[in-house]
Amino acid sequence: MSDRPLSDTPPHIAAMQVSLLRKAGFTRRAERMFSLSRSVALLALSAIRRANPGWSEFEVNLRFVELHYGKDLAKGLREFLDRRGPGRPP
């Protein structure tokens, strides 16, 4: 194992960030968490699109499900959507 820290943020700045998060309250922290989660998901979708420029949005979204939730769930989702047919409500 390396002795290098996991973050390049100086310790005094990291401590300040933690202090600000603690003072922010639950609602603000939850908003921040949801915002960061959305940003990560959008970046992942963008990377899948760049790596597979010919894919439809359906294929991109299905690959996202496979990468983040597993092959079994992605397979089940594809089968469900295939049975549902185009344009039919879920």
PDB file of N, CA and C in Angstrom:
ATOM      1  N   MET A   1       0.826  -1.193   0.000  1.00  0.00           N
ATOM      2  CA  MET A   1       0.000   0.000   0.000  1.00  0.00           C
ATOM      3  C   MET A   1       0.864   1.248   0.000  1.00  0.00           C
ATOM      4  N   SER A   2       0.351   2.290  -0.584  1.00  0.00           N
ATOM      5  CA  SER A   2       1.050   3.565  -0.670  1.00  0.00           C
ATOM      6  C   SER A   2       0.726   4.430   0.545  1.00  0.00           C
ATOM      7  N   ASP A   3       1.672   5.290   0.891  1.00  0.00           N
ATOM      8  CA  ASP A   3       1.437   6.248   1.972  1.00  0.00           C
ATOM      9  C   ASP A   3       0.781   7.519   1.456  1.00  0.00           C
ATOM     10  N   ARG A   4       0.521   7.567   0.160  1.00  0.00           N
ATOM     11  CA  ARG A   4      -0.096   8.760  -0.422  1.00  0.00           C
ATOM     12  C   ARG A   4      -1.547   8.876   0.024  1.00  0.00           C
ATOM     13  N   PRO A   5      -1.991  10.097   0.299  1.00  0.00           N
ATOM     14  CA  PRO A   5      -3.397  10.278   0.683  1.00  0.00           C
ATOM     15  C   PRO A   5      -4.326   9.980  -0.494  1.00  0.00           C
ATOM     16  N   LEU A   6      -5.578   9.656  -0.183  1.00  0.00           N
ATOM     17  CA  LEU A   6      -6.571   9.360  -1.221  1.00  0.00           C
ATOM     18  C   LEU A   6      -7.078  10.618  -1.909  1.00  0.00           C
ATOM     19  N   SER A   7      -6.827  11.761  -1.333  1.00  0.00           N
ATOM     20  CA  SER A   7      -7.327  13.024  -1.866  1.00  0.00           C
ATOM     21  C   SER A   7      -6.177  14.006  -2.028  1.00  0.00           C
ATOM     22  N   ASP A   8      -6.309  14.877  -3.006  1.00  0.00           N
ATOM     23  CA  ASP A   8      -5.298  15.928  -3.160  1.00  0.00           C
ATOM     24  C   ASP A   8      -5.725  17.215  -2.459  1.00  0.00           C
ATOM     25  N   THR A   9      -6.835  17.157  -1.730  1.00  0.00           N
ATOM     26  CA  THR A   9      -7.313  18.317  -0.979  1.00  0.00           C
ATOM     27  C   THR A   9      -6.484  18.454   0.296  1.00  0.00           C
ATOM     28  N   PRO A  10      -5.920  19.628   0.533  1.00  0.00           N
ATOM     29  CA  PRO A  10      -5.147  19.826   1.769  1.00  0.00           C
ATOM     30  C   PRO A  10      -6.018  19.550   3.000  1.00  0.00           C
ATOM     31  N   PRO A  11      -5.450  18.964   4.045  1.00  0.00           N
ATOM     32  CA  PRO A  11      -6.239  18.589   5.233  1.00  0.00           C
ATOM     33  C   PRO A  11      -7.034  19.740   5.843  1.00  0.00           C
ATOM     34  N   HIS A  12      -6.485  20.949   5.876  1.00  0.00           N
ATOM     35  CA  HIS A  12      -7.232  22.060   6.482  1.00  0.00           C
ATOM     36  C   HIS A  12      -8.447  22.452   5.638  1.00  0.00           C
ATOM     37  N   ILE A  13      -8.340  22.295   4.330  1.00  0.00           N
ATOM     38  CA  ILE A  13      -9.484  22.567   3.440  1.00  0.00           C
ATOM     39  C   ILE A  13     -10.535  21.467   3.595  1.00  0.00           C
ATOM     40  N   ALA A  14     -10.093  20.220   3.671  1.00  0.00           N
ATOM     41  CA  ALA A  14     -11.024  19.103   3.870  1.00  0.00           C
ATOM     42  C   ALA A  14     -11.785  19.275   5.177  1.00  0.00           C
ATOM     43  N   ALA A  15     -11.092  19.696   6.233  1.00  0.00           N
ATOM     44  CA  ALA A  15     -11.749  19.926   7.524  1.00  0.00           C
ATOM     45  C   ALA A  15     -12.785  21.039   7.412  1.00  0.00           C
ATOM     46  N   MET A  16     -12.470  22.078   6.653  1.00  0.00           N
ATOM     47  CA  MET A  16     -13.411  23.182   6.455  1.00  0.00           C
ATOM     48  C   MET A  16     -14.643  22.693   5.688  1.00  0.00           C
ATOM     49  N   GLN A  17     -14.443  21.850   4.671  1.00  0.00           N
ATOM     50  CA  GLN A  17     -15.560  21.314   3.906  1.00  0.00           C
ATOM     51  C   GLN A  17     -16.484  20.481   4.799  1.00  0.00           C
ATOM     52  N   VAL A  18     -15.906  19.641   5.632  1.00  0.00           N
ATOM     53  CA  VAL A  18     -16.699  18.813   6.544  1.00  0.00           C
ATOM     54  C   VAL A  18     -17.488  19.694   7.500  1.00  0.00           C
ATOM     55  N   SER A  19     -16.842  20.729   8.025  1.00  0.00           N
ATOM     56  CA  SER A  19     -17.517  21.650   8.947  1.00  0.00           C
ATOM     57  C   SER A  19     -18.705  22.334   8.263  1.00  0.00           C
ATOM     58  N   LEU A  20     -18.513  22.781   7.035  1.00  0.00           N
ATOM     59  CA  LEU A  20     -19.604  23.432   6.300  1.00  0.00           C
ATOM     60  C   LEU A  20     -20.749  22.465   6.026  1.00  0.00           C
ATOM     61  N   LEU A  21     -20.416  21.221   5.688  1.00  0.00           N
ATOM     62  CA  LEU A  21     -21.464  20.224   5.454  1.00  0.00           C
ATOM     63  C   LEU A  21     -22.261  19.948   6.720  1.00  0.00           C
ATOM     64  N   ARG A  22     -21.570  19.861   7.850  1.00  0.00           N
ATOM     65  CA  ARG A  22     -22.265  19.611   9.110  1.00  0.00           C
ATOM     66  C   ARG A  22     -23.202  20.759   9.465  1.00  0.00           C
ATOM     67  N   LYS A  23     -22.802  21.970   9.163  1.00  0.00           N
ATOM     68  CA  LYS A  23     -23.615  23.147   9.477  1.00  0.00           C
ATOM     69  C   LYS A  23     -24.776  23.319   8.497  1.00  0.00           C
ATOM     70  N   ALA A  24     -24.699  22.690   7.355  1.00  0.00           N
ATOM     71  CA  ALA A  24     -25.681  22.901   6.293  1.00  0.00           C
ATOM     72  C   ALA A  24     -27.067  22.360   6.633  1.00  0.00           C
ATOM     73  N   GLY A  25     -27.155  21.373   7.468  1.00  0.00           N
ATOM     74  CA  GLY A  25     -28.457  20.791   7.782  1.00  0.00           C
ATOM     75  C   GLY A  25     -28.818  19.674   6.819  1.00  0.00           C
ATOM     76  N   PHE A  26     -29.778  18.878   7.247  1.00  0.00           N
ATOM     77  CA  PHE A  26     -30.147  17.696   6.480  1.00  0.00           C
ATOM     78  C   PHE A  26     -30.637  18.026   5.073  1.00  0.00           C
ATOM     79  N   THR A  27     -31.533  18.983   4.947  1.00  0.00           N
ATOM     80  CA  THR A  27     -32.125  19.292   3.642  1.00  0.00           C
ATOM     81  C   THR A  27     -31.062  19.708   2.643  1.00  0.00           C
ATOM     82  N   ARG A  28     -30.185  20.593   3.045  1.00  0.00           N
ATOM     83  CA  ARG A  28     -29.124  21.067   2.136  1.00  0.00           C
ATOM     84  C   ARG A  28     -28.170  19.932   1.774  1.00  0.00           C
ATOM     85  N   ARG A  29     -27.840  19.097   2.753  1.00  0.00           N
ATOM     86  CA  ARG A  29     -26.942  17.967   2.461  1.00  0.00           C
ATOM     87  C   ARG A  29     -27.611  16.996   1.495  1.00  0.00           C
ATOM     88  N   ALA A  30     -28.910  16.742   1.690  1.00  0.00           N
ATOM     89  CA  ALA A  30     -29.637  15.845   0.789  1.00  0.00           C
ATOM     90  C   ALA A  30     -29.698  16.436  -0.619  1.00  0.00           C
ATOM     91  N   GLU A  31     -29.960  17.740  -0.736  1.00  0.00           N
ATOM     92  CA  GLU A  31     -29.975  18.400  -2.042  1.00  0.00           C
ATOM     93  C   GLU A  31     -28.628  18.247  -2.729  1.00  0.00           C
ATOM     94  N   ARG A  32     -27.574  18.434  -1.976  1.00  0.00           N
ATOM     95  CA  ARG A  32     -26.207  18.321  -2.519  1.00  0.00           C
ATOM     96  C   ARG A  32     -25.934  16.893  -2.999  1.00  0.00           C
ATOM     97  N   MET A  33     -26.348  15.921  -2.192  1.00  0.00           N
ATOM     98  CA  MET A  33     -26.140  14.524  -2.551  1.00  0.00           C
ATOM     99  C   MET A  33     -26.899  14.172  -3.838  1.00  0.00           C
ATOM    100  N   PHE A  34     -28.163  14.597  -3.932  1.00  0.00           N
ATOM    101  CA  PHE A  34     -28.938  14.311  -5.139  1.00  0.00           C
ATOM    102  C   PHE A  34     -28.335  14.999  -6.361  1.00  0.00           C
ATOM    103  N   SER A  35     -27.856  16.210  -6.194  1.00  0.00           N
ATOM    104  CA  SER A  35     -27.226  16.938  -7.288  1.00  0.00           C
ATOM    105  C   SER A  35     -25.959  16.228  -7.764  1.00  0.00           C
ATOM    106  N   LEU A  36     -25.136  15.793  -6.821  1.00  0.00           N
ATOM    107  CA  LEU A  36     -23.910  15.083  -7.188  1.00  0.00           C
ATOM    108  C   LEU A  36     -24.225  13.753  -7.860  1.00  0.00           C
ATOM    109  N   SER A  37     -25.226  13.040  -7.354  1.00  0.00           N
ATOM    110  CA  SER A  37     -25.618  11.758  -7.954  1.00  0.00           C
ATOM    111  C   SER A  37     -26.102  11.956  -9.384  1.00  0.00           C
ATOM    112  N   ARG A  38     -26.898  12.995  -9.602  1.00  0.00           N
ATOM    113  CA  ARG A  38     -27.391  13.297 -10.955  1.00  0.00           C
ATOM    114  C   ARG A  38     -26.237  13.637 -11.885  1.00  0.00           C
ATOM    115  N   SER A  39     -25.295  14.428 -11.391  1.00  0.00           N
ATOM    116  CA  SER A  39     -24.130  14.805 -12.205  1.00  0.00           C
ATOM    117  C   SER A  39     -23.326  13.576 -12.609  1.00  0.00           C
ATOM    118  N   VAL A  40     -23.111  12.662 -11.667  1.00  0.00           N
ATOM    119  CA  VAL A  40     -22.350  11.443 -11.966  1.00  0.00           C
ATOM    120  C   VAL A  40     -23.096  10.595 -12.995  1.00  0.00           C
ATOM    121  N   ALA A  41     -24.413  10.461 -12.847  1.00  0.00           N
ATOM    122  CA  ALA A  41     -25.195   9.675 -13.802  1.00  0.00           C
ATOM    123  C   ALA A  41     -25.139  10.294 -15.200  1.00  0.00           C
ATOM    124  N   LEU A  42     -25.255  11.619 -15.287  1.00  0.00           N
ATOM    125  CA  LEU A  42     -25.191  12.289 -16.591  1.00  0.00           C
ATOM    126  C   LEU A  42     -23.814  12.132 -17.228  1.00  0.00           C
ATOM    127  N   LEU A  43     -22.761  12.194 -16.425  1.00  0.00           N
ATOM    128  CA  LEU A  43     -21.410  11.979 -16.953  1.00  0.00           C
ATOM    129  C   LEU A  43     -21.245  10.550 -17.452  1.00  0.00           C
ATOM    130  N   ALA A  44     -21.793   9.578 -16.728  1.00  0.00           N
ATOM    131  CA  ALA A  44     -21.710   8.179 -17.149  1.00  0.00           C
ATOM    132  C   ALA A  44     -22.464   7.973 -18.464  1.00  0.00           C
ATOM    133  N   LEU A  45     -23.653   8.532 -18.570  1.00  0.00           N
ATOM    134  CA  LEU A  45     -24.417   8.417 -19.825  1.00  0.00           C
ATOM    135  C   LEU A  45     -23.675   9.059 -20.984  1.00  0.00           C
ATOM    136  N   SER A  46     -23.068  10.201 -20.744  1.00  0.00           N
ATOM    137  CA  SER A  46     -22.300  10.886 -21.775  1.00  0.00           C
ATOM    138  C   SER A  46     -21.118  10.031 -22.237  1.00  0.00           C
ATOM    139  N   ALA A  47     -20.448   9.382 -21.302  1.00  0.00           N
ATOM    140  CA  ALA A  47     -19.310   8.524 -21.656  1.00  0.00           C
ATOM    141  C   ALA A  47     -19.765   7.331 -22.485  1.00  0.00           C
ATOM    142  N   ILE A  48     -20.914   6.754 -22.145  1.00  0.00           N
ATOM    143  CA  ILE A  48     -21.452   5.629 -22.921  1.00  0.00           C
ATOM    144  C   ILE A  48     -21.783   6.087 -24.333  1.00  0.00           C
ATOM    145  N   ARG A  49     -22.394   7.275 -24.470  1.00  0.00           N
ATOM    146  CA  ARG A  49     -22.709   7.815 -25.807  1.00  0.00           C
ATOM    147  C   ARG A  49     -21.438   8.027 -26.637  1.00  0.00           C
ATOM    148  N   ARG A  50     -20.413   8.616 -26.022  1.00  0.00           N
ATOM    149  CA  ARG A  50     -19.154   8.869 -26.739  1.00  0.00           C
ATOM    150  C   ARG A  50     -18.496   7.567 -27.188  1.00  0.00           C
ATOM    151  N   ALA A  51     -18.555   6.547 -26.358  1.00  0.00           N
ATOM    152  CA  ALA A  51     -17.927   5.266 -26.688  1.00  0.00           C
ATOM    153  C   ALA A  51     -18.722   4.481 -27.728  1.00  0.00           C
ATOM    154  N   ASN A  52     -19.999   4.821 -27.890  1.00  0.00           N
ATOM    155  CA  ASN A  52     -20.888   4.083 -28.797  1.00  0.00           C
ATOM    156  C   ASN A  52     -21.736   5.060 -29.599  1.00  0.00           C
ATOM    157  N   PRO A  53     -21.125   5.804 -30.519  1.00  0.00           N
ATOM    158  CA  PRO A  53     -21.839   6.895 -31.199  1.00  0.00           C
ATOM    159  C   PRO A  53     -23.045   6.466 -32.023  1.00  0.00           C
ATOM    160  N   GLY A  54     -23.123   5.221 -32.429  1.00  0.00           N
ATOM    161  CA  GLY A  54     -24.252   4.778 -33.246  1.00  0.00           C
ATOM    162  C   GLY A  54     -25.438   4.267 -32.452  1.00  0.00           C
ATOM    163  N   TRP A  55     -25.313   4.226 -31.146  1.00  0.00           N
ATOM    164  CA  TRP A  55     -26.376   3.648 -30.326  1.00  0.00           C
ATOM    165  C   TRP A  55     -27.550   4.598 -30.136  1.00  0.00           C
ATOM    166  N   SER A  56     -28.733   4.005 -30.011  1.00  0.00           N
ATOM    167  CA  SER A  56     -29.943   4.775 -29.686  1.00  0.00           C
ATOM    168  C   SER A  56     -29.930   5.111 -28.193  1.00  0.00           C
ATOM    169  N   GLU A  57     -30.808   6.024 -27.789  1.00  0.00           N
ATOM    170  CA  GLU A  57     -30.913   6.362 -26.369  1.00  0.00           C
ATOM    171  C   GLU A  57     -31.351   5.138 -25.555  1.00  0.00           C
ATOM    172  N   PHE A  58     -32.178   4.288 -26.158  1.00  0.00           N
ATOM    173  CA  PHE A  58     -32.589   3.055 -25.492  1.00  0.00           C
ATOM    174  C   PHE A  58     -31.380   2.191 -25.175  1.00  0.00           C
ATOM    175  N   GLU A  59     -30.507   2.001 -26.156  1.00  0.00           N
ATOM    176  CA  GLU A  59     -29.316   1.181 -25.952  1.00  0.00           C
ATOM    177  C   GLU A  59     -28.367   1.808 -24.926  1.00  0.00           C
ATOM    178  N   VAL A  60     -28.220   3.119 -24.988  1.00  0.00           N
ATOM    179  CA  VAL A  60     -27.367   3.832 -24.030  1.00  0.00           C
ATOM    180  C   VAL A  60     -27.908   3.633 -22.618  1.00  0.00           C
ATOM    181  N   ASN A  61     -29.203   3.830 -22.439  1.00  0.00           N
ATOM    182  CA  ASN A  61     -29.809   3.693 -21.114  1.00  0.00           C
ATOM    183  C   ASN A  61     -29.737   2.255 -20.604  1.00  0.00           C
ATOM    184  N   LEU A  62     -29.928   1.290 -21.479  1.00  0.00           N
ATOM    185  CA  LEU A  62     -29.837  -0.102 -21.077  1.00  0.00           C
ATOM    186  C   LEU A  62     -28.413  -0.461 -20.651  1.00  0.00           C
ATOM    187  N   ARG A  63     -27.427   0.066 -21.364  1.00  0.00           N
ATOM    188  CA  ARG A  63     -26.025  -0.171 -20.979  1.00  0.00           C
ATOM    189  C   ARG A  63     -25.728   0.467 -19.625  1.00  0.00           C
ATOM    190  N   PHE A  64     -26.289   1.651 -19.371  1.00  0.00           N
ATOM    191  CA  PHE A  64     -26.130   2.302 -18.069  1.00  0.00           C
ATOM    192  C   PHE A  64     -26.663   1.398 -16.963  1.00  0.00           C
ATOM    193  N   VAL A  65     -27.853   0.842 -17.176  1.00  0.00           N
ATOM    194  CA  VAL A  65     -28.449  -0.062 -16.188  1.00  0.00           C
ATOM    195  C   VAL A  65     -27.532  -1.267 -15.979  1.00  0.00           C
ATOM    196  N   GLU A  66     -27.013  -1.825 -17.064  1.00  0.00           N
ATOM    197  CA  GLU A  66     -26.140  -2.993 -16.956  1.00  0.00           C
ATOM    198  C   GLU A  66     -24.877  -2.675 -16.151  1.00  0.00           C
ATOM    199  N   LEU A  67     -24.265  -1.545 -16.440  1.00  0.00           N
ATOM    200  CA  LEU A  67     -23.017  -1.174 -15.760  1.00  0.00           C
ATOM    201  C   LEU A  67     -23.229  -0.861 -14.282  1.00  0.00           C
ATOM    202  N   HIS A  68     -24.346  -0.248 -13.957  1.00  0.00           N
ATOM    203  CA  HIS A  68     -24.553   0.233 -12.595  1.00  0.00           C
ATOM    204  C   HIS A  68     -25.398  -0.687 -11.718  1.00  0.00           C
ATOM    205  N   TYR A  69     -26.220  -1.527 -12.354  1.00  0.00           N
ATOM    206  CA  TYR A  69     -27.117  -2.368 -11.571  1.00  0.00           C
ATOM    207  C   TYR A  69     -26.985  -3.853 -11.878  1.00  0.00           C
ATOM    208  N   GLY A  70     -26.209  -4.190 -12.900  1.00  0.00           N
ATOM    209  CA  GLY A  70     -25.944  -5.588 -13.203  1.00  0.00           C
ATOM    210  C   GLY A  70     -26.621  -6.099 -14.464  1.00  0.00           C
ATOM    211  N   LYS A  71     -26.020  -7.172 -15.008  1.00  0.00           N
ATOM    212  CA  LYS A  71     -26.507  -7.762 -16.255  1.00  0.00           C
ATOM    213  C   LYS A  71     -27.897  -8.371 -16.108  1.00  0.00           C
ATOM    214  N   ASP A  72     -28.152  -8.995 -14.951  1.00  0.00           N
ATOM    215  CA  ASP A  72     -29.459  -9.645 -14.763  1.00  0.00           C
ATOM    216  C   ASP A  72     -30.593  -8.629 -14.805  1.00  0.00           C
ATOM    217  N   LEU A  73     -30.416  -7.508 -14.121  1.00  0.00           N
ATOM    218  CA  LEU A  73     -31.465  -6.483 -14.125  1.00  0.00           C
ATOM    219  C   LEU A  73     -31.635  -5.893 -15.524  1.00  0.00           C
ATOM    220  N   ALA A  74     -30.519  -5.633 -16.214  1.00  0.00           N
ATOM    221  CA  ALA A  74     -30.601  -5.079 -17.570  1.00  0.00           C
ATOM    222  C   ALA A  74     -31.318  -6.053 -18.505  1.00  0.00           C
ATOM    223  N   LYS A  75     -31.018  -7.335 -18.358  1.00  0.00           N
ATOM    224  CA  LYS A  75     -31.680  -8.351 -19.192  1.00  0.00           C
ATOM    225  C   LYS A  75     -33.179  -8.377 -18.893  1.00  0.00           C
ATOM    226  N   GLY A  76     -33.528  -8.367 -17.620  1.00  0.00           N
ATOM    227  CA  GLY A  76     -34.939  -8.365 -17.243  1.00  0.00           C
ATOM    228  C   GLY A  76     -35.660  -7.125 -17.737  1.00  0.00           C
ATOM    229  N   LEU A  77     -35.008  -5.987 -17.657  1.00  0.00           N
ATOM    230  CA  LEU A  77     -35.603  -4.740 -18.143  1.00  0.00           C
ATOM    231  C   LEU A  77     -35.829  -4.801 -19.647  1.00  0.00           C
ATOM    232  N   ARG A  78     -34.837  -5.289 -20.380  1.00  0.00           N
ATOM    233  CA  ARG A  78     -34.985  -5.412 -21.837  1.00  0.00           C
ATOM    234  C   ARG A  78     -36.155  -6.338 -22.175  1.00  0.00           C
ATOM    235  N   GLU A  79     -36.240  -7.471 -21.491  1.00  0.00           N
ATOM    236  CA  GLU A  79     -37.328  -8.416 -21.758  1.00  0.00           C
ATOM    237  C   GLU A  79     -38.683  -7.787 -21.437  1.00  0.00           C
ATOM    238  N   PHE A  80     -38.760  -7.077 -20.316  1.00  0.00           N
ATOM    239  CA  PHE A  80     -40.007  -6.409 -19.944  1.00  0.00           C
ATOM    240  C   PHE A  80     -40.408  -5.391 -21.010  1.00  0.00           C
ATOM    241  N   LEU A  81     -39.465  -4.570 -21.431  1.00  0.00           N
ATOM    242  CA  LEU A  81     -39.767  -3.534 -22.428  1.00  0.00           C
ATOM    243  C   LEU A  81     -40.114  -4.143 -23.776  1.00  0.00           C
ATOM    244  N   ASP A  82     -39.453  -5.246 -24.136  1.00  0.00           N
ATOM    245  CA  ASP A  82     -39.789  -5.933 -25.392  1.00  0.00           C
ATOM    246  C   ASP A  82     -41.212  -6.472 -25.347  1.00  0.00           C
ATOM    247  N   ARG A  83     -41.612  -7.046 -24.202  1.00  0.00           N
ATOM    248  CA  ARG A  83     -42.977  -7.584 -24.068  1.00  0.00           C
ATOM    249  C   ARG A  83     -44.004  -6.440 -24.095  1.00  0.00           C
ATOM    250  N   ARG A  84     -43.640  -5.342 -23.509  1.00  0.00           N
ATOM    251  CA  ARG A  84     -44.557  -4.181 -23.437  1.00  0.00           C
ATOM    252  C   ARG A  84     -44.854  -3.648 -24.829  1.00  0.00           C
ATOM    253  N   GLY A  85     -43.867  -3.635 -25.680  1.00  0.00           N
ATOM    254  CA  GLY A  85     -44.047  -3.149 -27.037  1.00  0.00           C
ATOM    255  C   GLY A  85     -43.903  -1.647 -27.124  1.00  0.00           C
ATOM    256  N   PRO A  86     -43.668  -1.117 -28.318  1.00  0.00           N
ATOM    257  CA  PRO A  86     -43.457   0.320 -28.493  1.00  0.00           C
ATOM    258  C   PRO A  86     -44.737   1.115 -28.243  1.00  0.00           C
ATOM    259  N   GLY A  87     -44.596   2.218 -27.568  1.00  0.00           N
ATOM    260  CA  GLY A  87     -45.691   3.150 -27.378  1.00  0.00           C
ATOM    261  C   GLY A  87     -46.745   2.742 -26.363  1.00  0.00           C
ATOM    262  N   ARG A  88     -46.542   1.619 -25.683  1.00  0.00           N
ATOM    263  CA  ARG A  88     -47.535   1.181 -24.694  1.00  0.00           C
ATOM    264  C   ARG A  88     -47.095   1.643 -23.317  1.00  0.00           C
ATOM    265  N   PRO A  89     -48.037   2.055 -22.480  1.00  0.00           N
ATOM    266  CA  PRO A  89     -47.671   2.502 -21.147  1.00  0.00           C
ATOM    267  C   PRO A  89     -47.068   1.382 -20.313  1.00  0.00           C
ATOM    268  N   PRO A  90     -46.238   1.718 -19.336  1.00  0.00           N
ATOM    269  CA  PRO A  90     -45.580   0.691 -18.511  1.00  0.00           C
ATOM    270  C   PRO A  90     -46.535  -0.158 -17.712  1.00  0.00           C
TER     271      PRO A  90
END
